[in-house]
Amino acid sequence: MTELLRTIAEGLVEDKDAIEVRADEPNDEGVIVYHLHVAPDDMGRVIGKQGRIAKALRTVMRAGAARVNQKIMVEID
């Protein structure tokens, strides 16, 4: 899942070296939280107007996680 998130983010940002993806351990409900960190100049590209790109990114990640029976959340730092 981290590679999927990294691949999607690489298509959105200018500074590909600044991408960091970190996954937390599953919490009590079994939800894994993925943290996406990008360069400050690329935050607008990842979030998009009114958060549309961020919402789409989270939807794609949840769909991918559902295929492998995982529950995830994506936070953009």
PDB file of N, CA and C in Angstrom:
ATOM      1  N   MET A   1       0.827  -1.194   0.000  1.00  0.00           N
ATOM      2  CA  MET A   1       0.000   0.000   0.000  1.00  0.00           C
ATOM      3  C   MET A   1       0.871   1.258   0.000  1.00  0.00           C
ATOM      4  N   THR A   2       2.014   1.194   0.670  1.00  0.00           N
ATOM      5  CA  THR A   2       2.882   2.375   0.683  1.00  0.00           C
ATOM      6  C   THR A   2       3.384   2.685  -0.714  1.00  0.00           C
ATOM      7  N   GLU A   3       3.656   1.643  -1.499  1.00  0.00           N
ATOM      8  CA  GLU A   3       4.135   1.868  -2.867  1.00  0.00           C
ATOM      9  C   GLU A   3       3.044   2.473  -3.742  1.00  0.00           C
ATOM     10  N   LEU A   4       1.800   2.074  -3.545  1.00  0.00           N
ATOM     11  CA  LEU A   4       0.688   2.660  -4.291  1.00  0.00           C
ATOM     12  C   LEU A   4       0.563   4.139  -3.969  1.00  0.00           C
ATOM     13  N   LEU A   5       0.625   4.477  -2.686  1.00  0.00           N
ATOM     14  CA  LEU A   5       0.521   5.875  -2.279  1.00  0.00           C
ATOM     15  C   LEU A   5       1.689   6.686  -2.826  1.00  0.00           C
ATOM     16  N   ARG A   6       2.897   6.134  -2.778  1.00  0.00           N
ATOM     17  CA  ARG A   6       4.077   6.826  -3.304  1.00  0.00           C
ATOM     18  C   ARG A   6       3.951   7.048  -4.812  1.00  0.00           C
ATOM     19  N   THR A   7       3.471   6.044  -5.535  1.00  0.00           N
ATOM     20  CA  THR A   7       3.330   6.153  -6.991  1.00  0.00           C
ATOM     21  C   THR A   7       2.312   7.226  -7.370  1.00  0.00           C
ATOM     22  N   ILE A   8       1.205   7.267  -6.658  1.00  0.00           N
ATOM     23  CA  ILE A   8       0.192   8.290  -6.936  1.00  0.00           C
ATOM     24  C   ILE A   8       0.754   9.675  -6.650  1.00  0.00           C
ATOM     25  N   ALA A   9       1.449   9.817  -5.528  1.00  0.00           N
ATOM     26  CA  ALA A   9       2.003  11.115  -5.148  1.00  0.00           C
ATOM     27  C   ALA A   9       3.070  11.580  -6.134  1.00  0.00           C
ATOM     28  N   GLU A  10       3.865  10.659  -6.652  1.00  0.00           N
ATOM     29  CA  GLU A  10       4.910  11.035  -7.612  1.00  0.00           C
ATOM     30  C   GLU A  10       4.313  11.646  -8.870  1.00  0.00           C
ATOM     31  N   GLY A  11       3.131  11.227  -9.243  1.00  0.00           N
ATOM     32  CA  GLY A  11       2.470  11.788 -10.416  1.00  0.00           C
ATOM     33  C   GLY A  11       1.910  13.178 -10.180  1.00  0.00           C
ATOM     34  N   LEU A  12       1.790  13.574  -8.929  1.00  0.00           N
ATOM     35  CA  LEU A  12       1.178  14.866  -8.606  1.00  0.00           C
ATOM     36  C   LEU A  12       2.185  15.973  -8.303  1.00  0.00           C
ATOM     37  N   VAL A  13       3.346  15.619  -7.772  1.00  0.00           N
ATOM     38  CA  VAL A  13       4.260  16.634  -7.242  1.00  0.00           C
ATOM     39  C   VAL A  13       5.415  16.926  -8.186  1.00  0.00           C
ATOM     40  N   GLU A  14       6.080  18.057  -7.921  1.00  0.00           N
ATOM     41  CA  GLU A  14       7.273  18.441  -8.677  1.00  0.00           C
ATOM     42  C   GLU A  14       8.523  17.837  -8.046  1.00  0.00           C
ATOM     43  N   ASP A  15       8.628  17.945  -6.711  1.00  0.00           N
ATOM     44  CA  ASP A  15       9.811  17.487  -5.986  1.00  0.00           C
ATOM     45  C   ASP A  15       9.580  16.049  -5.502  1.00  0.00           C
ATOM     46  N   LYS A  16       9.929  15.084  -6.353  1.00  0.00           N
ATOM     47  CA  LYS A  16       9.673  13.685  -6.040  1.00  0.00           C
ATOM     48  C   LYS A  16      10.569  13.159  -4.914  1.00  0.00           C
ATOM     49  N   ASP A  17      11.716  13.804  -4.687  1.00  0.00           N
ATOM     50  CA  ASP A  17      12.633  13.365  -3.631  1.00  0.00           C
ATOM     51  C   ASP A  17      12.104  13.685  -2.242  1.00  0.00           C
ATOM     52  N   ALA A  18      11.186  14.620  -2.133  1.00  0.00           N
ATOM     53  CA  ALA A  18      10.671  15.043  -0.829  1.00  0.00           C
ATOM     54  C   ALA A  18       9.502  14.183  -0.349  1.00  0.00           C
ATOM     55  N   ILE A  19       9.072  13.219  -1.150  1.00  0.00           N
ATOM     56  CA  ILE A  19       7.930  12.382  -0.770  1.00  0.00           C
ATOM     57  C   ILE A  19       8.358  11.401   0.313  1.00  0.00           C
ATOM     58  N   GLU A  20       7.594  11.385   1.398  1.00  0.00           N
ATOM     59  CA  GLU A  20       7.818  10.406   2.460  1.00  0.00           C
ATOM     60  C   GLU A  20       6.471   9.757   2.783  1.00  0.00           C
ATOM     61  N   VAL A  21       6.453   8.451   2.832  1.00  0.00           N
ATOM     62  CA  VAL A  21       5.251   7.708   3.197  1.00  0.00           C
ATOM     63  C   VAL A  21       5.595   6.866   4.417  1.00  0.00           C
ATOM     64  N   ARG A  22       4.785   7.022   5.459  1.00  0.00           N
ATOM     65  CA  ARG A  22       5.012   6.280   6.700  1.00  0.00           C
ATOM     66  C   ARG A  22       3.700   5.630   7.103  1.00  0.00           C
ATOM     67  N   ALA A  23       3.771   4.391   7.552  1.00  0.00           N
ATOM     68  CA  ALA A  23       2.573   3.672   7.983  1.00  0.00           C
ATOM     69  C   ALA A  23       2.671   3.370   9.469  1.00  0.00           C
ATOM     70  N   ASP A  24       1.604   3.670  10.206  1.00  0.00           N
ATOM     71  CA  ASP A  24       1.545   3.344  11.622  1.00  0.00           C
ATOM     72  C   ASP A  24       1.086   1.898  11.795  1.00  0.00           C
ATOM     73  N   GLU A  25       1.281   1.383  12.979  1.00  0.00           N
ATOM     74  CA  GLU A  25       0.763   0.061  13.314  1.00  0.00           C
ATOM     75  C   GLU A  25      -0.767   0.139  13.381  1.00  0.00           C
ATOM     76  N   PRO A  26      -1.450  -0.965  13.123  1.00  0.00           N
ATOM     77  CA  PRO A  26      -2.924  -0.953  13.218  1.00  0.00           C
ATOM     78  C   PRO A  26      -3.384  -0.566  14.626  1.00  0.00           C
ATOM     79  N   ASN A  27      -4.423   0.277  14.687  1.00  0.00           N
ATOM     80  CA  ASN A  27      -4.950   0.691  15.995  1.00  0.00           C
ATOM     81  C   ASN A  27      -5.932  -0.361  16.506  1.00  0.00           C
ATOM     82  N   ASP A  28      -6.686  -0.020  17.551  1.00  0.00           N
ATOM     83  CA  ASP A  28      -7.592  -0.987  18.183  1.00  0.00           C
ATOM     84  C   ASP A  28      -8.653  -1.529  17.227  1.00  0.00           C
ATOM     85  N   GLU A  29      -9.089  -0.701  16.271  1.00  0.00           N
ATOM     86  CA  GLU A  29     -10.105  -1.147  15.311  1.00  0.00           C
ATOM     87  C   GLU A  29      -9.481  -1.810  14.083  1.00  0.00           C
ATOM     88  N   GLY A  30      -8.163  -1.914  14.035  1.00  0.00           N
ATOM     89  CA  GLY A  30      -7.488  -2.528  12.893  1.00  0.00           C
ATOM     90  C   GLY A  30      -7.236  -1.586  11.746  1.00  0.00           C
ATOM     91  N   VAL A  31      -7.319  -0.280  11.987  1.00  0.00           N
ATOM     92  CA  VAL A  31      -7.117   0.717  10.940  1.00  0.00           C
ATOM     93  C   VAL A  31      -5.641   1.104  10.889  1.00  0.00           C
ATOM     94  N   ILE A  32      -5.061   1.033   9.705  1.00  0.00           N
ATOM     95  CA  ILE A  32      -3.676   1.440   9.503  1.00  0.00           C
ATOM     96  C   ILE A  32      -3.692   2.868   8.962  1.00  0.00           C
ATOM     97  N   VAL A  33      -2.947   3.766   9.603  1.00  0.00           N
ATOM     98  CA  VAL A  33      -2.886   5.163   9.174  1.00  0.00           C
ATOM     99  C   VAL A  33      -1.612   5.364   8.369  1.00  0.00           C
ATOM    100  N   TYR A  34      -1.772   5.832   7.138  1.00  0.00           N
ATOM    101  CA  TYR A  34      -0.638   6.157   6.271  1.00  0.00           C
ATOM    102  C   TYR A  34      -0.461   7.672   6.280  1.00  0.00           C
ATOM    103  N   HIS A  35       0.776   8.115   6.506  1.00  0.00           N
ATOM    104  CA  HIS A  35       1.098   9.538   6.519  1.00  0.00           C
ATOM    105  C   HIS A  35       1.876   9.863   5.256  1.00  0.00           C
ATOM    106  N   LEU A  36       1.369  10.806   4.482  1.00  0.00           N
ATOM    107  CA  LEU A  36       2.037  11.261   3.262  1.00  0.00           C
ATOM    108  C   LEU A  36       2.600  12.639   3.521  1.00  0.00           C
ATOM    109  N   HIS A  37       3.915  12.772   3.349  1.00  0.00           N
ATOM    110  CA  HIS A  37       4.569  14.071   3.540  1.00  0.00           C
ATOM    111  C   HIS A  37       5.202  14.468   2.214  1.00  0.00           C
ATOM    112  N   VAL A  38       4.895  15.685   1.765  1.00  0.00           N
ATOM    113  CA  VAL A  38       5.470  16.216   0.532  1.00  0.00           C
ATOM    114  C   VAL A  38       6.086  17.578   0.834  1.00  0.00           C
ATOM    115  N   ALA A  39       6.806  18.121  -0.136  1.00  0.00           N
ATOM    116  CA  ALA A  39       7.421  19.435   0.028  1.00  0.00           C
ATOM    117  C   ALA A  39       6.322  20.490   0.214  1.00  0.00           C
ATOM    118  N   PRO A  40       6.614  21.542   0.976  1.00  0.00           N
ATOM    119  CA  PRO A  40       5.598  22.588   1.201  1.00  0.00           C
ATOM    120  C   PRO A  40       5.054  23.196  -0.096  1.00  0.00           C
ATOM    121  N   ASP A  41       5.892  23.309  -1.114  1.00  0.00           N
ATOM    122  CA  ASP A  41       5.430  23.884  -2.384  1.00  0.00           C
ATOM    123  C   ASP A  41       4.451  22.963  -3.117  1.00  0.00           C
ATOM    124  N   ASP A  42       4.474  21.680  -2.802  1.00  0.00           N
ATOM    125  CA  ASP A  42       3.613  20.713  -3.481  1.00  0.00           C
ATOM    126  C   ASP A  42       2.334  20.390  -2.729  1.00  0.00           C
ATOM    127  N   MET A  43       2.143  20.965  -1.559  1.00  0.00           N
ATOM    128  CA  MET A  43       0.950  20.659  -0.766  1.00  0.00           C
ATOM    129  C   MET A  43      -0.331  20.992  -1.528  1.00  0.00           C
ATOM    130  N   GLY A  44      -0.344  22.115  -2.223  1.00  0.00           N
ATOM    131  CA  GLY A  44      -1.524  22.509  -2.986  1.00  0.00           C
ATOM    132  C   GLY A  44      -1.855  21.541  -4.100  1.00  0.00           C
ATOM    133  N   ARG A  45      -0.826  20.964  -4.688  1.00  0.00           N
ATOM    134  CA  ARG A  45      -1.042  19.997  -5.769  1.00  0.00           C
ATOM    135  C   ARG A  45      -1.652  18.705  -5.239  1.00  0.00           C
ATOM    136  N   VAL A  46      -1.242  18.297  -4.045  1.00  0.00           N
ATOM    137  CA  VAL A  46      -1.738  17.048  -3.474  1.00  0.00           C
ATOM    138  C   VAL A  46      -3.143  17.224  -2.909  1.00  0.00           C
ATOM    139  N   ILE A  47      -3.426  18.392  -2.356  1.00  0.00           N
ATOM    140  CA  ILE A  47      -4.739  18.635  -1.769  1.00  0.00           C
ATOM    141  C   ILE A  47      -5.758  18.997  -2.845  1.00  0.00           C
ATOM    142  N   GLY A  48      -5.390  19.864  -3.756  1.00  0.00           N
ATOM    143  CA  GLY A  48      -6.288  20.253  -4.840  1.00  0.00           C
ATOM    144  C   GLY A  48      -7.315  21.278  -4.402  1.00  0.00           C
ATOM    145  N   LYS A  49      -8.069  21.781  -5.350  1.00  0.00           N
ATOM    146  CA  LYS A  49      -9.107  22.764  -5.045  1.00  0.00           C
ATOM    147  C   LYS A  49     -10.194  22.117  -4.208  1.00  0.00           C
ATOM    148  N   GLN A  50     -10.470  22.734  -3.076  1.00  0.00           N
ATOM    149  CA  GLN A  50     -11.487  22.265  -2.126  1.00  0.00           C
ATOM    150  C   GLN A  50     -11.244  20.823  -1.691  1.00  0.00           C
ATOM    151  N   GLY A  51      -9.984  20.368  -1.766  1.00  0.00           N
ATOM    152  CA  GLY A  51      -9.632  19.038  -1.290  1.00  0.00           C
ATOM    153  C   GLY A  51     -10.045  17.903  -2.198  1.00  0.00           C
ATOM    154  N   ARG A  52     -10.332  18.202  -3.447  1.00  0.00           N
ATOM    155  CA  ARG A  52     -10.832  17.157  -4.354  1.00  0.00           C
ATOM    156  C   ARG A  52      -9.791  16.088  -4.652  1.00  0.00           C
ATOM    157  N   ILE A  53      -8.549  16.503  -4.876  1.00  0.00           N
ATOM    158  CA  ILE A  53      -7.502  15.517  -5.186  1.00  0.00           C
ATOM    159  C   ILE A  53      -7.219  14.657  -3.964  1.00  0.00           C
ATOM    160  N   ALA A  54      -7.171  15.274  -2.785  1.00  0.00           N
ATOM    161  CA  ALA A  54      -6.940  14.513  -1.555  1.00  0.00           C
ATOM    162  C   ALA A  54      -8.058  13.504  -1.330  1.00  0.00           C
ATOM    163  N   LYS A  55      -9.279  13.911  -1.594  1.00  0.00           N
ATOM    164  CA  LYS A  55     -10.416  13.005  -1.426  1.00  0.00           C
ATOM    165  C   LYS A  55     -10.325  11.836  -2.405  1.00  0.00           C
ATOM    166  N   ALA A  56      -9.959  12.122  -3.647  1.00  0.00           N
ATOM    167  CA  ALA A  56      -9.824  11.067  -4.653  1.00  0.00           C
ATOM    168  C   ALA A  56      -8.681  10.120  -4.294  1.00  0.00           C
ATOM    169  N   LEU A  57      -7.588  10.669  -3.791  1.00  0.00           N
ATOM    170  CA  LEU A  57      -6.451   9.851  -3.379  1.00  0.00           C
ATOM    171  C   LEU A  57      -6.853   8.902  -2.255  1.00  0.00           C
ATOM    172  N   ARG A  58      -7.604   9.418  -1.286  1.00  0.00           N
ATOM    173  CA  ARG A  58      -8.069   8.578  -0.173  1.00  0.00           C
ATOM    174  C   ARG A  58      -9.030   7.494  -0.664  1.00  0.00           C
ATOM    175  N   THR A  59      -9.885   7.834  -1.627  1.00  0.00           N
ATOM    176  CA  THR A  59     -10.835   6.862  -2.171  1.00  0.00           C
ATOM    177  C   THR A  59     -10.112   5.729  -2.881  1.00  0.00           C
ATOM    178  N   VAL A  60      -9.112   6.057  -3.684  1.00  0.00           N
ATOM    179  CA  VAL A  60      -8.346   5.034  -4.394  1.00  0.00           C
ATOM    180  C   VAL A  60      -7.606   4.143  -3.409  1.00  0.00           C
ATOM    181  N   MET A  61      -7.023   4.752  -2.387  1.00  0.00           N
ATOM    182  CA  MET A  61      -6.286   3.970  -1.384  1.00  0.00           C
ATOM    183  C   MET A  61      -7.224   3.045  -0.607  1.00  0.00           C
ATOM    184  N   ARG A  62      -8.414   3.531  -0.248  1.00  0.00           N
ATOM    185  CA  ARG A  62      -9.374   2.683   0.472  1.00  0.00           C
ATOM    186  C   ARG A  62      -9.830   1.516  -0.403  1.00  0.00           C
ATOM    187  N   ALA A  63     -10.021   1.775  -1.698  1.00  0.00           N
ATOM    188  CA  ALA A  63     -10.433   0.710  -2.617  1.00  0.00           C
ATOM    189  C   ALA A  63      -9.331  -0.344  -2.740  1.00  0.00           C
ATOM    190  N   GLY A  64      -8.089   0.103  -2.829  1.00  0.00           N
ATOM    191  CA  GLY A  64      -6.974  -0.847  -2.887  1.00  0.00           C
ATOM    192  C   GLY A  64      -6.844  -1.649  -1.610  1.00  0.00           C
ATOM    193  N   ALA A  65      -7.074  -1.008  -0.481  1.00  0.00           N
ATOM    194  CA  ALA A  65      -6.975  -1.699   0.809  1.00  0.00           C
ATOM    195  C   ALA A  65      -8.112  -2.705   0.970  1.00  0.00           C
ATOM    196  N   ALA A  66      -9.274  -2.388   0.439  1.00  0.00           N
ATOM    197  CA  ALA A  66     -10.411  -3.292   0.553  1.00  0.00           C
ATOM    198  C   ALA A  66     -10.144  -4.603  -0.195  1.00  0.00           C
ATOM    199  N   ARG A  67      -9.364  -4.536  -1.247  1.00  0.00           N
ATOM    200  CA  ARG A  67      -9.041  -5.744  -2.016  1.00  0.00           C
ATOM    201  C   ARG A  67      -8.185  -6.718  -1.220  1.00  0.00           C
ATOM    202  N   VAL A  68      -7.415  -6.186  -0.255  1.00  0.00           N
ATOM    203  CA  VAL A  68      -6.562  -7.051   0.570  1.00  0.00           C
ATOM    204  C   VAL A  68      -7.081  -7.113   2.004  1.00  0.00           C
ATOM    205  N   ASN A  69      -8.365  -6.784   2.181  1.00  0.00           N
ATOM    206  CA  ASN A  69      -9.042  -6.856   3.486  1.00  0.00           C
ATOM    207  C   ASN A  69      -8.345  -6.031   4.569  1.00  0.00           C
ATOM    208  N   GLN A  70      -8.010  -4.802   4.254  1.00  0.00           N
ATOM    209  CA  GLN A  70      -7.428  -3.888   5.231  1.00  0.00           C
ATOM    210  C   GLN A  70      -8.331  -2.676   5.376  1.00  0.00           C
ATOM    211  N   LYS A  71      -8.222  -2.030   6.516  1.00  0.00           N
ATOM    212  CA  LYS A  71      -8.887  -0.746   6.729  1.00  0.00           C
ATOM    213  C   LYS A  71      -7.774   0.286   6.881  1.00  0.00           C
ATOM    214  N   ILE A  72      -7.855   1.356   6.106  1.00  0.00           N
ATOM    215  CA  ILE A  72      -6.788   2.360   6.161  1.00  0.00           C
ATOM    216  C   ILE A  72      -7.355   3.762   6.217  1.00  0.00           C
ATOM    217  N   MET A  73      -6.499   4.688   6.607  1.00  0.00           N
ATOM    218  CA  MET A  73      -6.743   6.127   6.538  1.00  0.00           C
ATOM    219  C   MET A  73      -5.495   6.752   5.947  1.00  0.00           C
ATOM    220  N   VAL A  74      -5.645   7.830   5.204  1.00  0.00           N
ATOM    221  CA  VAL A  74      -4.506   8.556   4.655  1.00  0.00           C
ATOM    222  C   VAL A  74      -4.530   9.959   5.207  1.00  0.00           C
ATOM    223  N   GLU A  75      -3.433  10.356   5.832  1.00  0.00           N
ATOM    224  CA  GLU A  75      -3.281  11.722   6.324  1.00  0.00           C
ATOM    225  C   GLU A  75      -2.179  12.396   5.529  1.00  0.00           C
ATOM    226  N   ILE A  76      -2.441  13.618   5.111  1.00  0.00           N
ATOM    227  CA  ILE A  76      -1.458  14.389   4.350  1.00  0.00           C
ATOM    228  C   ILE A  76      -0.842  15.405   5.295  1.00  0.00           C
ATOM    229  N   ASP A  77       0.457  15.238   5.558  1.00  0.00           N
ATOM    230  CA  ASP A  77       1.173  16.117   6.488  1.00  0.00           C
ATOM    231  C   ASP A  77       1.879  17.212   5.726  1.00  0.00           C
TER     232      ASP A  77
END
